[in-house]
Amino acid sequence: MGKIKSKMMRKTANSLVKEDEDLNFNKDFEKNKAILGRTMPSKRLRNRIAGLISRMKKQEEKARLEMQA
């Protein structure tokens, strides 16, 4: 089992992905981290949210591929 993300982090990640379409989040952690680097108050929070967004994007892509097949 993986580490559990707090409700605050999940809400923040979801709102960032939905509200900020122009930020172009994708499944690459490093790019997401660079995007969030300008706005997050701490490095630890930035890295956790960037990882969560990366995982969400990978899951979305996997679901989209399964729907096409």
N, C-alpha and C. Protein backbone atom coordinates (compact mmCIF):
# COMPACT_ATOMS: atom_id res chain seq x y z
N MET A 1 0.83 -1.17 0.00
CA MET A 1 0.00 0.00 0.00
C MET A 1 0.88 1.24 0.00
N GLY A 2 0.41 2.27 -0.65
CA GLY A 2 1.16 3.51 -0.73
C GLY A 2 0.81 4.44 0.41
N LYS A 3 1.46 5.57 0.40
CA LYS A 3 1.18 6.57 1.43
C LYS A 3 -0.13 7.26 1.12
N ILE A 4 -0.84 7.61 2.15
CA ILE A 4 -2.14 8.24 2.01
C ILE A 4 -1.95 9.75 1.91
N LYS A 5 -2.60 10.36 0.94
CA LYS A 5 -2.53 11.81 0.78
C LYS A 5 -3.66 12.45 1.56
N SER A 6 -3.40 13.59 2.15
CA SER A 6 -4.42 14.25 2.95
C SER A 6 -5.52 14.81 2.05
N LYS A 7 -6.66 15.04 2.65
CA LYS A 7 -7.81 15.57 1.92
C LYS A 7 -7.50 16.95 1.35
N MET A 8 -6.74 17.74 2.10
CA MET A 8 -6.37 19.08 1.63
C MET A 8 -5.53 19.00 0.35
N MET A 9 -4.58 18.07 0.32
CA MET A 9 -3.73 17.93 -0.86
C MET A 9 -4.53 17.45 -2.06
N ARG A 10 -5.44 16.51 -1.87
CA ARG A 10 -6.26 16.03 -2.98
C ARG A 10 -7.17 17.12 -3.52
N LYS A 11 -7.76 17.90 -2.63
CA LYS A 11 -8.62 19.00 -3.08
C LYS A 11 -7.82 20.05 -3.83
N THR A 12 -6.64 20.37 -3.32
CA THR A 12 -5.80 21.36 -3.97
C THR A 12 -5.38 20.89 -5.36
N ALA A 13 -4.96 19.64 -5.47
CA ALA A 13 -4.54 19.09 -6.77
C ALA A 13 -5.70 19.08 -7.75
N ASN A 14 -6.87 18.65 -7.30
CA ASN A 14 -8.04 18.63 -8.18
C ASN A 14 -8.42 20.03 -8.64
N SER A 15 -8.40 20.98 -7.74
CA SER A 15 -8.79 22.34 -8.12
C SER A 15 -7.76 22.95 -9.07
N LEU A 16 -6.47 22.67 -8.87
CA LEU A 16 -5.45 23.19 -9.77
C LEU A 16 -5.61 22.63 -11.17
N VAL A 17 -5.89 21.35 -11.27
CA VAL A 17 -6.03 20.71 -12.58
C VAL A 17 -7.29 21.22 -13.29
N LYS A 18 -8.38 21.34 -12.58
CA LYS A 18 -9.65 21.74 -13.20
C LYS A 18 -9.71 23.22 -13.53
N GLU A 19 -9.23 24.07 -12.62
CA GLU A 19 -9.36 25.51 -12.80
C GLU A 19 -8.29 26.10 -13.71
N ASP A 20 -7.10 25.55 -13.66
CA ASP A 20 -5.99 26.15 -14.39
C ASP A 20 -5.60 25.29 -15.59
N GLU A 21 -6.43 25.30 -16.61
CA GLU A 21 -6.16 24.53 -17.83
C GLU A 21 -4.94 25.07 -18.56
N ASP A 22 -4.63 26.36 -18.40
CA ASP A 22 -3.51 26.96 -19.11
C ASP A 22 -2.15 26.58 -18.53
N LEU A 23 -2.12 25.93 -17.36
CA LEU A 23 -0.85 25.51 -16.77
C LEU A 23 -0.27 24.27 -17.44
N ASN A 24 -1.07 23.54 -18.16
CA ASN A 24 -0.62 22.37 -18.92
C ASN A 24 0.07 21.32 -18.06
N PHE A 25 -0.60 20.88 -17.01
CA PHE A 25 -0.07 19.78 -16.22
C PHE A 25 -0.08 18.52 -17.08
N ASN A 26 0.92 17.65 -16.88
CA ASN A 26 0.95 16.38 -17.58
C ASN A 26 1.48 15.30 -16.65
N LYS A 27 1.82 14.15 -17.19
CA LYS A 27 2.21 13.04 -16.33
C LYS A 27 3.69 13.07 -15.93
N ASP A 28 4.42 14.10 -16.31
CA ASP A 28 5.83 14.24 -15.95
C ASP A 28 5.96 15.02 -14.64
N PHE A 29 6.50 14.38 -13.63
CA PHE A 29 6.64 14.98 -12.30
C PHE A 29 7.49 16.24 -12.32
N GLU A 30 8.61 16.21 -13.03
CA GLU A 30 9.52 17.35 -13.04
C GLU A 30 8.88 18.60 -13.64
N LYS A 31 8.10 18.43 -14.70
CA LYS A 31 7.43 19.58 -15.31
C LYS A 31 6.35 20.13 -14.37
N ASN A 32 5.60 19.24 -13.75
CA ASN A 32 4.58 19.67 -12.79
C ASN A 32 5.21 20.40 -11.62
N LYS A 33 6.36 19.91 -11.17
CA LYS A 33 7.07 20.54 -10.06
C LYS A 33 7.52 21.94 -10.44
N ALA A 34 7.99 22.11 -11.66
CA ALA A 34 8.43 23.43 -12.12
C ALA A 34 7.25 24.39 -12.21
N ILE A 35 6.11 23.91 -12.67
CA ILE A 35 4.91 24.75 -12.76
C ILE A 35 4.48 25.21 -11.37
N LEU A 36 4.48 24.30 -10.41
CA LEU A 36 4.04 24.62 -9.06
C LEU A 36 5.07 25.40 -8.26
N GLY A 37 6.30 25.41 -8.69
CA GLY A 37 7.37 26.05 -7.95
C GLY A 37 7.13 27.53 -7.70
N ARG A 38 6.37 28.16 -8.57
CA ARG A 38 6.13 29.59 -8.43
C ARG A 38 5.07 29.90 -7.39
N THR A 39 4.21 28.94 -7.07
CA THR A 39 3.05 29.26 -6.24
C THR A 39 3.01 28.56 -4.88
N MET A 40 3.68 27.45 -4.71
CA MET A 40 3.58 26.69 -3.47
C MET A 40 4.43 27.29 -2.36
N PRO A 41 3.93 27.27 -1.13
CA PRO A 41 4.66 27.88 -0.01
C PRO A 41 5.85 27.05 0.48
N SER A 42 5.82 25.72 0.27
CA SER A 42 6.93 24.90 0.75
C SER A 42 7.31 23.85 -0.28
N LYS A 43 8.56 23.41 -0.20
CA LYS A 43 9.07 22.42 -1.14
C LYS A 43 8.37 21.07 -0.95
N ARG A 44 8.14 20.69 0.28
CA ARG A 44 7.52 19.40 0.57
C ARG A 44 6.09 19.34 0.01
N LEU A 45 5.33 20.39 0.22
CA LEU A 45 3.97 20.45 -0.29
C LEU A 45 3.96 20.48 -1.81
N ARG A 46 4.87 21.26 -2.40
CA ARG A 46 4.98 21.32 -3.85
C ARG A 46 5.26 19.95 -4.46
N ASN A 47 6.20 19.22 -3.88
CA ASN A 47 6.56 17.90 -4.42
C ASN A 47 5.42 16.90 -4.27
N ARG A 48 4.73 16.93 -3.15
CA ARG A 48 3.63 16.00 -2.95
C ARG A 48 2.47 16.26 -3.91
N ILE A 49 2.14 17.54 -4.11
CA ILE A 49 1.04 17.87 -5.02
C ILE A 49 1.44 17.59 -6.46
N ALA A 50 2.70 17.86 -6.83
CA ALA A 50 3.17 17.56 -8.18
C ALA A 50 3.10 16.06 -8.45
N GLY A 51 3.48 15.25 -7.47
CA GLY A 51 3.39 13.80 -7.63
C GLY A 51 1.96 13.32 -7.73
N LEU A 52 1.09 13.91 -6.96
CA LEU A 52 -0.33 13.54 -7.00
C LEU A 52 -0.93 13.90 -8.36
N ILE A 53 -0.60 15.07 -8.88
CA ILE A 53 -1.11 15.47 -10.19
C ILE A 53 -0.57 14.55 -11.28
N SER A 54 0.70 14.17 -11.18
CA SER A 54 1.29 13.25 -12.15
C SER A 54 0.55 11.92 -12.15
N ARG A 55 0.27 11.43 -10.97
CA ARG A 55 -0.45 10.16 -10.86
C ARG A 55 -1.87 10.26 -11.41
N MET A 56 -2.53 11.40 -11.14
CA MET A 56 -3.88 11.60 -11.66
C MET A 56 -3.88 11.62 -13.19
N LYS A 57 -2.89 12.28 -13.79
CA LYS A 57 -2.81 12.37 -15.25
C LYS A 57 -2.53 11.00 -15.86
N LYS A 58 -1.70 10.18 -15.22
CA LYS A 58 -1.43 8.83 -15.70
C LYS A 58 -2.70 7.99 -15.65
N GLN A 59 -3.48 8.13 -14.57
CA GLN A 59 -4.73 7.38 -14.44
C GLN A 59 -5.74 7.81 -15.50
N GLU A 60 -5.81 9.13 -15.79
CA GLU A 60 -6.72 9.63 -16.81
C GLU A 60 -6.34 9.07 -18.18
N GLU A 61 -5.04 9.05 -18.48
CA GLU A 61 -4.59 8.54 -19.77
C GLU A 61 -4.89 7.05 -19.90
N LYS A 62 -4.68 6.30 -18.83
CA LYS A 62 -4.95 4.86 -18.84
C LYS A 62 -6.44 4.61 -19.06
N ALA A 63 -7.30 5.38 -18.40
CA ALA A 63 -8.74 5.22 -18.57
C ALA A 63 -9.17 5.58 -19.98
N ARG A 64 -8.57 6.64 -20.55
CA ARG A 64 -8.89 7.05 -21.91
C ARG A 64 -8.50 5.96 -22.92
N LEU A 65 -7.33 5.33 -22.71
CA LEU A 65 -6.88 4.27 -23.61
C LEU A 65 -7.78 3.04 -23.52
N GLU A 66 -8.24 2.73 -22.32
CA GLU A 66 -9.12 1.58 -22.13
C GLU A 66 -10.48 1.83 -22.79
N MET A 67 -10.94 3.07 -22.78
CA MET A 67 -12.22 3.40 -23.41
C MET A 67 -12.12 3.29 -24.94
N GLN A 68 -10.96 3.59 -25.51
CA GLN A 68 -10.77 3.51 -26.94
C GLN A 68 -10.65 2.07 -27.41
N ALA A 69 -10.11 1.21 -26.58
CA ALA A 69 -9.88 -0.19 -26.98
C ALA A 69 -11.13 -1.01 -26.96
